[in-house]
Amino acid sequence: MHVNVLIGLLGGLIASASLTLAGATLPCLPPRAHRRWPRRTLLLVAATVCAVLAASYPAGAHIPVMLTPCDNADALAASPMVLSGTTSFAFYGRTGHTGETRAVRIQLVAGQQFHAELLIPDLAPETGLDATGQPRLAIDDPSGQARLLDNTQRSYFFEPLTQTSYLVLAETTSVAATGTYAVIVIGGAPTRFVAVTGQDEQFAAAVVNASRASTGDVLRWYTTPPAPDGPGDPANPDAGPTTGNGCRQ
């Protein structure tokens, strides 16, 4: 969010509300006095707001969401769904064995851009995986046609806020059809991954069947190595208690 926008919003709040300090409510200054608030003061307040938000959520291109074993291809109808598919989301997850899946859905309108990427942390053991051990990204379009992307890339990506590093394995962009796209990660060896959808940077956007992750969530995911496990296994911190079908209770 641009500083000028924050200044406008904060100025509006100051002009229309009462100021509360140490439990006492003070009347706002007259409108004429509001115009004499120093720009430096508003910039300082805006910077404070940005700092508080940055401490809670990763900023930048993608809205972060943590995936769990509930979010698999067999339970696609209950998987996370982004209502504005052009908005950038980063779905963090892990798979514990070959063939295990994680899935999300995004909605698009004809003519919009469909975009998806698959990344892994630039860490061991992911960086040592051969082609058979790497996760793969599959796309199901609104017509029901499925496409499995090849891992033809290995480009480096650094996320400055969380100080985390990644390798991009696959990426695709195309003109969308109207409807819902399924983005499915298929596991090979035990691994962490990030599935990215959309390219439009937004601070917030609606997502169904999921909630926004914090910086702490992302860092715990990043610093916990993957291990062979099944859903609900204590070695998998993203799994949690599960039922017989591998979904959370």
C-alpha atoms as a PDB file:
ATOM      1  CA  MET A   1       0.000   0.000   0.000  1.00  0.00           C
ATOM      2  CA  HIS A   2       1.492   3.395  -0.998  1.00  0.00           C
ATOM      3  CA  VAL A   3       2.392   5.832   1.811  1.00  0.00           C
ATOM      4  CA  ASN A   4       0.090   8.512   0.354  1.00  0.00           C
ATOM      5  CA  VAL A   5      -2.846   6.126   0.568  1.00  0.00           C
ATOM      6  CA  LEU A   6      -2.014   5.342   4.192  1.00  0.00           C
ATOM      7  CA  ILE A   7      -1.715   9.054   4.930  1.00  0.00           C
ATOM      8  CA  GLY A   8      -5.145   9.662   3.418  1.00  0.00           C
ATOM      9  CA  LEU A   9      -6.717   6.850   5.405  1.00  0.00           C
ATOM     10  CA  LEU A  10      -5.081   7.909   8.656  1.00  0.00           C
ATOM     11  CA  GLY A  11      -6.023  11.549   8.063  1.00  0.00           C
ATOM     12  CA  GLY A  12      -9.627  10.484   7.550  1.00  0.00           C
ATOM     13  CA  LEU A  13      -9.601   8.516  10.786  1.00  0.00           C
ATOM     14  CA  ILE A  14      -8.169  11.474  12.689  1.00  0.00           C
ATOM     15  CA  ALA A  15     -10.794  13.819  11.236  1.00  0.00           C
ATOM     16  CA  SER A  16     -13.791  11.589  11.919  1.00  0.00           C
ATOM     17  CA  ALA A  17     -13.056   9.821  15.205  1.00  0.00           C
ATOM     18  CA  SER A  18     -12.157  10.576  18.810  1.00  0.00           C
ATOM     19  CA  LEU A  19      -8.669   9.977  20.128  1.00  0.00           C
ATOM     20  CA  THR A  20      -8.345   7.573  23.069  1.00  0.00           C
ATOM     21  CA  LEU A  21      -5.241   7.808  25.247  1.00  0.00           C
ATOM     22  CA  ALA A  22      -4.595   6.071  28.588  1.00  0.00           C
ATOM     23  CA  GLY A  23      -8.263   5.213  28.939  1.00  0.00           C
ATOM     24  CA  ALA A  24      -9.480   8.796  28.430  1.00  0.00           C
ATOM     25  CA  THR A  25     -11.382   9.882  25.344  1.00  0.00           C
ATOM     26  CA  LEU A  26     -10.357  13.232  23.939  1.00  0.00           C
ATOM     27  CA  PRO A  27     -12.421  15.113  21.366  1.00  0.00           C
ATOM     28  CA  CYS A  28     -10.838  15.441  17.951  1.00  0.00           C
ATOM     29  CA  LEU A  29      -9.503  18.802  16.901  1.00  0.00           C
ATOM     30  CA  PRO A  30     -11.691  20.962  14.663  1.00  0.00           C
ATOM     31  CA  PRO A  31     -11.426  20.136  10.965  1.00  0.00           C
ATOM     32  CA  ARG A  32      -9.384  23.294  10.297  1.00  0.00           C
ATOM     33  CA  ALA A  33      -6.774  22.143  12.811  1.00  0.00           C
ATOM     34  CA  HIS A  34      -6.465  18.742  11.139  1.00  0.00           C
ATOM     35  CA  ARG A  35      -4.976  20.325   8.078  1.00  0.00           C
ATOM     36  CA  ARG A  36      -2.070  21.579  10.211  1.00  0.00           C
ATOM     37  CA  TRP A  37      -0.949  18.050  11.195  1.00  0.00           C
ATOM     38  CA  PRO A  38       2.672  17.833  10.026  1.00  0.00           C
ATOM     39  CA  ARG A  39       3.234  15.496   7.118  1.00  0.00           C
ATOM     40  CA  ARG A  40       6.188  14.071   9.063  1.00  0.00           C
ATOM     41  CA  THR A  41       3.843  12.992  11.867  1.00  0.00           C
ATOM     42  CA  LEU A  42       1.484  11.229   9.472  1.00  0.00           C
ATOM     43  CA  LEU A  43       4.429   9.553   7.737  1.00  0.00           C
ATOM     44  CA  LEU A  44       5.643   8.300  11.125  1.00  0.00           C
ATOM     45  CA  VAL A  45       2.203   6.889  11.945  1.00  0.00           C
ATOM     46  CA  ALA A  46       1.967   5.286   8.499  1.00  0.00           C
ATOM     47  CA  ALA A  47       5.394   3.693   8.956  1.00  0.00           C
ATOM     48  CA  THR A  48       4.325   2.353  12.351  1.00  0.00           C
ATOM     49  CA  VAL A  49       1.214   0.774  10.819  1.00  0.00           C
ATOM     50  CA  CYS A  50       3.332  -0.842   8.111  1.00  0.00           C
ATOM     51  CA  ALA A  51       5.787  -2.174  10.681  1.00  0.00           C
ATOM     52  CA  VAL A  52       3.010  -3.745  12.748  1.00  0.00           C
ATOM     53  CA  LEU A  53       1.525  -5.394   9.665  1.00  0.00           C
ATOM     54  CA  ALA A  54       4.926  -6.647   8.509  1.00  0.00           C
ATOM     55  CA  ALA A  55       5.530  -8.244  11.891  1.00  0.00           C
ATOM     56  CA  SER A  56       2.389 -10.341  11.513  1.00  0.00           C
ATOM     57  CA  TYR A  57       2.262 -11.199   7.810  1.00  0.00           C
ATOM     58  CA  PRO A  58       4.775 -11.607   5.017  1.00  0.00           C
ATOM     59  CA  ALA A  59       4.564  -8.621   2.712  1.00  0.00           C
ATOM     60  CA  GLY A  60       5.245  -8.430  -0.974  1.00  0.00           C
ATOM     61  CA  ALA A  61       3.968 -10.332  -3.939  1.00  0.00           C
ATOM     62  CA  HIS A  62       2.091 -13.251  -2.407  1.00  0.00           C
ATOM     63  CA  ILE A  63      -0.556 -13.809   0.263  1.00  0.00           C
ATOM     64  CA  PRO A  64       0.656 -16.822   2.315  1.00  0.00           C
ATOM     65  CA  VAL A  65      -1.515 -19.853   3.142  1.00  0.00           C
ATOM     66  CA  MET A  66      -0.439 -23.071   4.876  1.00  0.00           C
ATOM     67  CA  LEU A  67      -1.743 -26.343   3.416  1.00  0.00           C
ATOM     68  CA  THR A  68      -2.581 -29.452   5.457  1.00  0.00           C
ATOM     69  CA  PRO A  69      -3.354 -33.078   4.539  1.00  0.00           C
ATOM     70  CA  CYS A  70      -7.015 -32.052   4.279  1.00  0.00           C
ATOM     71  CA  ASP A  71      -6.083 -30.110   1.172  1.00  0.00           C
ATOM     72  CA  ASN A  72      -5.564 -33.025  -1.195  1.00  0.00           C
ATOM     73  CA  ALA A  73      -6.755 -33.983  -4.654  1.00  0.00           C
ATOM     74  CA  ASP A  74      -9.181 -36.582  -3.274  1.00  0.00           C
ATOM     75  CA  ALA A  75     -10.969 -33.852  -1.316  1.00  0.00           C
ATOM     76  CA  LEU A  76     -10.810 -31.220  -4.034  1.00  0.00           C
ATOM     77  CA  ALA A  77     -14.292 -29.849  -3.351  1.00  0.00           C
ATOM     78  CA  ALA A  78     -13.189 -28.892   0.175  1.00  0.00           C
ATOM     79  CA  SER A  79      -9.753 -27.557  -0.772  1.00  0.00           C
ATOM     80  CA  PRO A  80      -8.787 -23.872  -0.463  1.00  0.00           C
ATOM     81  CA  MET A  81     -10.293 -21.731  -3.211  1.00  0.00           C
ATOM     82  CA  VAL A  82      -9.162 -18.256  -4.249  1.00  0.00           C
ATOM     83  CA  LEU A  83     -12.100 -16.239  -5.546  1.00  0.00           C
ATOM     84  CA  SER A  84      -9.920 -13.797  -7.508  1.00  0.00           C
ATOM     85  CA  GLY A  85      -7.511 -16.069  -9.322  1.00  0.00           C
ATOM     86  CA  THR A  86      -5.274 -13.283 -10.619  1.00  0.00           C
ATOM     87  CA  THR A  87      -4.292 -12.302  -7.055  1.00  0.00           C
ATOM     88  CA  SER A  88      -0.916 -13.658  -5.940  1.00  0.00           C
ATOM     89  CA  PHE A  89      -1.097 -16.433  -3.334  1.00  0.00           C
ATOM     90  CA  ALA A  90       1.709 -18.635  -1.987  1.00  0.00           C
ATOM     91  CA  PHE A  91       0.534 -22.021  -0.678  1.00  0.00           C
ATOM     92  CA  TYR A  92       3.117 -23.597   1.635  1.00  0.00           C
ATOM     93  CA  GLY A  93       2.994 -27.336   2.211  1.00  0.00           C
ATOM     94  CA  ARG A  94       4.857 -30.597   2.427  1.00  0.00           C
ATOM     95  CA  THR A  95       4.407 -34.140   1.216  1.00  0.00           C
ATOM     96  CA  GLY A  96       5.714 -37.203   3.008  1.00  0.00           C
ATOM     97  CA  HIS A  97       5.645 -39.927   0.390  1.00  0.00           C
ATOM     98  CA  THR A  98       5.417 -40.556  -3.346  1.00  0.00           C
ATOM     99  CA  GLY A  99       2.004 -39.786  -4.802  1.00  0.00           C
ATOM    100  CA  GLU A 100       0.752 -37.741  -1.851  1.00  0.00           C
ATOM    101  CA  THR A 101      -1.040 -34.623  -3.091  1.00  0.00           C
ATOM    102  CA  ARG A 102      -1.918 -31.099  -2.018  1.00  0.00           C
ATOM    103  CA  ALA A 103      -4.514 -29.142  -3.965  1.00  0.00           C
ATOM    104  CA  VAL A 104      -5.970 -25.653  -4.239  1.00  0.00           C
ATOM    105  CA  ARG A 105      -8.474 -24.036  -6.583  1.00  0.00           C
ATOM    106  CA  ILE A 106      -8.656 -20.610  -8.182  1.00  0.00           C
ATOM    107  CA  GLN A 107     -11.472 -18.912 -10.067  1.00  0.00           C
ATOM    108  CA  LEU A 108     -10.850 -16.958 -13.253  1.00  0.00           C
ATOM    109  CA  VAL A 109     -12.820 -15.223 -16.001  1.00  0.00           C
ATOM    110  CA  ALA A 110     -12.130 -15.647 -19.722  1.00  0.00           C
ATOM    111  CA  GLY A 111      -9.341 -13.359 -20.866  1.00  0.00           C
ATOM    112  CA  GLN A 112      -7.615 -13.108 -17.487  1.00  0.00           C
ATOM    113  CA  GLN A 113      -4.118 -14.511 -16.974  1.00  0.00           C
ATOM    114  CA  PHE A 114      -3.726 -17.932 -15.388  1.00  0.00           C
ATOM    115  CA  HIS A 115      -0.378 -18.199 -13.629  1.00  0.00           C
ATOM    116  CA  ALA A 116       1.138 -20.918 -11.435  1.00  0.00           C
ATOM    117  CA  GLU A 117       4.595 -21.791 -10.125  1.00  0.00           C
ATOM    118  CA  LEU A 118       6.170 -24.586  -8.108  1.00  0.00           C
ATOM    119  CA  LEU A 119       9.081 -23.830  -5.760  1.00  0.00           C
ATOM    120  CA  ILE A 120      11.122 -25.729  -3.191  1.00  0.00           C
ATOM    121  CA  PRO A 121      13.298 -24.296  -0.395  1.00  0.00           C
ATOM    122  CA  ASP A 122      16.922 -23.783  -1.337  1.00  0.00           C
ATOM    123  CA  LEU A 123      17.819 -26.177   1.468  1.00  0.00           C
ATOM    124  CA  ALA A 124      18.744 -29.798   2.035  1.00  0.00           C
ATOM    125  CA  PRO A 125      17.252 -32.292   1.446  1.00  0.00           C
ATOM    126  CA  GLU A 126      15.208 -30.657  -1.341  1.00  0.00           C
ATOM    127  CA  THR A 127      18.235 -29.352  -3.246  1.00  0.00           C
ATOM    128  CA  GLY A 128      19.683 -32.870  -3.425  1.00  0.00           C
ATOM    129  CA  LEU A 129      16.609 -34.531  -4.928  1.00  0.00           C
ATOM    130  CA  ASP A 130      16.835 -36.021  -8.390  1.00  0.00           C
ATOM    131  CA  ALA A 131      14.036 -35.725 -10.936  1.00  0.00           C
ATOM    132  CA  THR A 132      12.106 -38.680  -9.501  1.00  0.00           C
ATOM    133  CA  GLY A 133      12.168 -37.245  -5.987  1.00  0.00           C
ATOM    134  CA  GLN A 134      11.056 -33.727  -6.823  1.00  0.00           C
ATOM    135  CA  PRO A 135       7.415 -32.665  -6.476  1.00  0.00           C
ATOM    136  CA  ARG A 136       5.455 -32.012  -9.675  1.00  0.00           C
ATOM    137  CA  LEU A 137       2.733 -29.501 -10.486  1.00  0.00           C
ATOM    138  CA  ALA A 138      -0.465 -30.536 -12.281  1.00  0.00           C
ATOM    139  CA  ILE A 139      -3.161 -28.196 -13.603  1.00  0.00           C
ATOM    140  CA  ASP A 140      -6.811 -29.149 -14.164  1.00  0.00           C
ATOM    141  CA  ASP A 141      -8.600 -26.505 -16.232  1.00  0.00           C
ATOM    142  CA  PRO A 142     -12.358 -25.717 -16.181  1.00  0.00           C
ATOM    143  CA  SER A 143     -12.985 -28.128 -19.079  1.00  0.00           C
ATOM    144  CA  GLY A 144     -11.514 -31.020 -17.077  1.00  0.00           C
ATOM    145  CA  GLN A 145      -8.302 -31.308 -19.075  1.00  0.00           C
ATOM    146  CA  ALA A 146      -5.242 -32.106 -16.946  1.00  0.00           C
ATOM    147  CA  ARG A 147      -1.670 -31.050 -17.617  1.00  0.00           C
ATOM    148  CA  LEU A 148       1.470 -32.135 -15.742  1.00  0.00           C
ATOM    149  CA  LEU A 149       4.246 -29.542 -15.830  1.00  0.00           C
ATOM    150  CA  ASP A 150       7.862 -30.528 -16.354  1.00  0.00           C
ATOM    151  CA  ASN A 151      10.416 -29.275 -13.844  1.00  0.00           C
ATOM    152  CA  THR A 152      12.482 -27.473 -16.465  1.00  0.00           C
ATOM    153  CA  GLN A 153      13.660 -24.577 -14.278  1.00  0.00           C
ATOM    154  CA  ARG A 154      15.995 -24.169 -11.338  1.00  0.00           C
ATOM    155  CA  SER A 155      16.012 -20.403 -10.918  1.00  0.00           C
ATOM    156  CA  TYR A 156      16.831 -18.786  -7.568  1.00  0.00           C
ATOM    157  CA  PHE A 157      14.327 -16.661  -5.637  1.00  0.00           C
ATOM    158  CA  PHE A 158      15.014 -14.767  -2.381  1.00  0.00           C
ATOM    159  CA  GLU A 159      12.202 -13.516  -0.124  1.00  0.00           C
ATOM    160  CA  PRO A 160      13.670 -10.527   1.794  1.00  0.00           C
ATOM    161  CA  LEU A 161      11.152 -10.175   4.647  1.00  0.00           C
ATOM    162  CA  THR A 162      11.491 -13.735   5.920  1.00  0.00           C
ATOM    163  CA  GLN A 163      15.092 -14.055   4.658  1.00  0.00           C
ATOM    164  CA  THR A 164      14.205 -17.351   2.972  1.00  0.00           C
ATOM    165  CA  SER A 165      15.499 -18.722  -0.328  1.00  0.00           C
ATOM    166  CA  TYR A 166      13.837 -20.915  -2.952  1.00  0.00           C
ATOM    167  CA  LEU A 167      14.347 -22.641  -6.279  1.00  0.00           C
ATOM    168  CA  VAL A 168      11.649 -22.312  -8.951  1.00  0.00           C
ATOM    169  CA  LEU A 169      11.083 -25.723 -10.577  1.00  0.00           C
ATOM    170  CA  ALA A 170       8.143 -25.039 -12.901  1.00  0.00           C
ATOM    171  CA  GLU A 171       6.111 -22.072 -14.093  1.00  0.00           C
ATOM    172  CA  THR A 172       3.226 -21.543 -16.501  1.00  0.00           C
ATOM    173  CA  THR A 173       1.175 -18.590 -17.744  1.00  0.00           C
ATOM    174  CA  SER A 174      -1.723 -18.677 -20.187  1.00  0.00           C
ATOM    175  CA  VAL A 175      -4.955 -16.936 -21.125  1.00  0.00           C
ATOM    176  CA  ALA A 176      -7.687 -18.271 -18.864  1.00  0.00           C
ATOM    177  CA  ALA A 177     -11.100 -19.682 -19.595  1.00  0.00           C
ATOM    178  CA  THR A 178     -14.019 -18.910 -17.325  1.00  0.00           C
ATOM    179  CA  GLY A 179     -14.295 -21.299 -14.402  1.00  0.00           C
ATOM    180  CA  THR A 180     -12.314 -23.017 -11.665  1.00  0.00           C
ATOM    181  CA  TYR A 181      -8.753 -24.250 -12.061  1.00  0.00           C
ATOM    182  CA  ALA A 182      -7.282 -26.915  -9.773  1.00  0.00           C
ATOM    183  CA  VAL A 183      -3.587 -26.597  -8.942  1.00  0.00           C
ATOM    184  CA  ILE A 184      -2.256 -29.899  -7.595  1.00  0.00           C
ATOM    185  CA  VAL A 185       1.175 -30.709  -6.176  1.00  0.00           C
ATOM    186  CA  ILE A 186       2.180 -34.377  -6.465  1.00  0.00           C
ATOM    187  CA  GLY A 187       4.832 -35.553  -4.040  1.00  0.00           C
ATOM    188  CA  GLY A 188       7.929 -37.579  -4.785  1.00  0.00           C
ATOM    189  CA  ALA A 189      10.384 -37.888  -1.924  1.00  0.00           C
ATOM    190  CA  PRO A 190       9.498 -36.176   1.379  1.00  0.00           C
ATOM    191  CA  THR A 191       9.732 -32.473   0.613  1.00  0.00           C
ATOM    192  CA  ARG A 192       8.564 -28.958   1.364  1.00  0.00           C
ATOM    193  CA  PHE A 193       7.112 -26.939  -1.509  1.00  0.00           C
ATOM    194  CA  VAL A 194       5.416 -23.663  -2.397  1.00  0.00           C
ATOM    195  CA  ALA A 195       2.665 -23.519  -5.014  1.00  0.00           C
ATOM    196  CA  VAL A 196       2.166 -19.959  -6.259  1.00  0.00           C
ATOM    197  CA  THR A 197      -0.918 -18.766  -8.127  1.00  0.00           C
ATOM    198  CA  GLY A 198      -1.709 -15.369  -9.642  1.00  0.00           C
ATOM    199  CA  GLN A 199       0.519 -12.374 -10.327  1.00  0.00           C
ATOM    200  CA  ASP A 200      -1.412  -9.331  -9.052  1.00  0.00           C
ATOM    201  CA  GLU A 201       0.008  -8.038  -5.771  1.00  0.00           C
ATOM    202  CA  GLN A 202      -2.682  -7.414  -3.169  1.00  0.00           C
ATOM    203  CA  PHE A 203      -2.431  -7.056   0.594  1.00  0.00           C
ATOM    204  CA  ALA A 204      -5.620  -9.041   1.165  1.00  0.00           C
ATOM    205  CA  ALA A 205      -7.999 -11.179  -0.875  1.00  0.00           C
ATOM    206  CA  ALA A 206     -10.733 -13.715  -0.199  1.00  0.00           C
ATOM    207  CA  VAL A 207      -9.824 -17.393   0.131  1.00  0.00           C
ATOM    208  CA  VAL A 208     -12.352 -20.090   1.058  1.00  0.00           C
ATOM    209  CA  ASN A 209     -11.511 -23.094   3.293  1.00  0.00           C
ATOM    210  CA  ALA A 210      -8.230 -21.566   4.465  1.00  0.00           C
ATOM    211  CA  SER A 211      -6.822 -18.598   6.344  1.00  0.00           C
ATOM    212  CA  ARG A 212      -3.836 -16.350   5.901  1.00  0.00           C
ATOM    213  CA  ALA A 213      -0.565 -17.551   7.417  1.00  0.00           C
ATOM    214  CA  SER A 214       1.758 -15.432   9.548  1.00  0.00           C
ATOM    215  CA  THR A 215       5.468 -14.874   9.146  1.00  0.00           C
ATOM    216  CA  GLY A 216       5.995 -17.248  12.071  1.00  0.00           C
ATOM    217  CA  ASP A 217       4.018 -19.966  10.283  1.00  0.00           C
ATOM    218  CA  VAL A 218       6.199 -19.616   7.201  1.00  0.00           C
ATOM    219  CA  LEU A 219       9.442 -19.660   9.194  1.00  0.00           C
ATOM    220  CA  ARG A 220       8.411 -22.782  11.146  1.00  0.00           C
ATOM    221  CA  TRP A 221       7.606 -24.502   7.862  1.00  0.00           C
ATOM    222  CA  TYR A 222      10.911 -23.370   6.350  1.00  0.00           C
ATOM    223  CA  THR A 223      13.106 -24.450   9.268  1.00  0.00           C
ATOM    224  CA  THR A 224      11.501 -27.870   9.830  1.00  0.00           C
ATOM    225  CA  PRO A 225      13.040 -30.482   7.501  1.00  0.00           C
ATOM    226  CA  PRO A 226      10.681 -32.948   5.817  1.00  0.00           C
ATOM    227  CA  ALA A 227      10.651 -36.584   6.861  1.00  0.00           C
ATOM    228  CA  PRO A 228       8.898 -39.741   5.649  1.00  0.00           C
ATOM    229  CA  ASP A 229       5.549 -39.633   7.373  1.00  0.00           C
ATOM    230  CA  GLY A 230       1.854 -40.164   7.022  1.00  0.00           C
ATOM    231  CA  PRO A 231      -0.939 -37.707   7.744  1.00  0.00           C
ATOM    232  CA  GLY A 232      -1.140 -37.123  11.481  1.00  0.00           C
ATOM    233  CA  ASP A 233       2.417 -38.331  12.129  1.00  0.00           C
ATOM    234  CA  PRO A 234       4.185 -36.141  14.748  1.00  0.00           C
ATOM    235  CA  ALA A 235       7.126 -35.773  12.349  1.00  0.00           C
ATOM    236  CA  ASN A 236       4.881 -33.708  10.088  1.00  0.00           C
ATOM    237  CA  PRO A 237       4.068 -30.416  11.898  1.00  0.00           C
ATOM    238  CA  ASP A 238       1.548 -29.455   9.220  1.00  0.00           C
ATOM    239  CA  ALA A 239      -0.490 -32.624   9.551  1.00  0.00           C
ATOM    240  CA  GLY A 240      -2.356 -32.370  12.853  1.00  0.00           C
ATOM    241  CA  PRO A 241      -4.883 -34.929  14.127  1.00  0.00           C
ATOM    242  CA  THR A 242      -6.531 -36.830  11.299  1.00  0.00           C
ATOM    243  CA  THR A 243      -9.306 -39.213  10.563  1.00  0.00           C
ATOM    244  CA  GLY A 244      -9.006 -42.437   8.603  1.00  0.00           C
ATOM    245  CA  ASN A 245      -9.193 -40.611   5.271  1.00  0.00           C
ATOM    246  CA  GLY A 246      -6.215 -38.382   6.126  1.00  0.00           C
ATOM    247  CA  CYS A 247      -8.231 -35.224   6.825  1.00  0.00           C
ATOM    248  CA  ARG A 248      -8.357 -33.176  10.013  1.00  0.00           C
ATOM    249  CA  GLN A 249     -11.102 -33.870  12.518  1.00  0.00           C
END
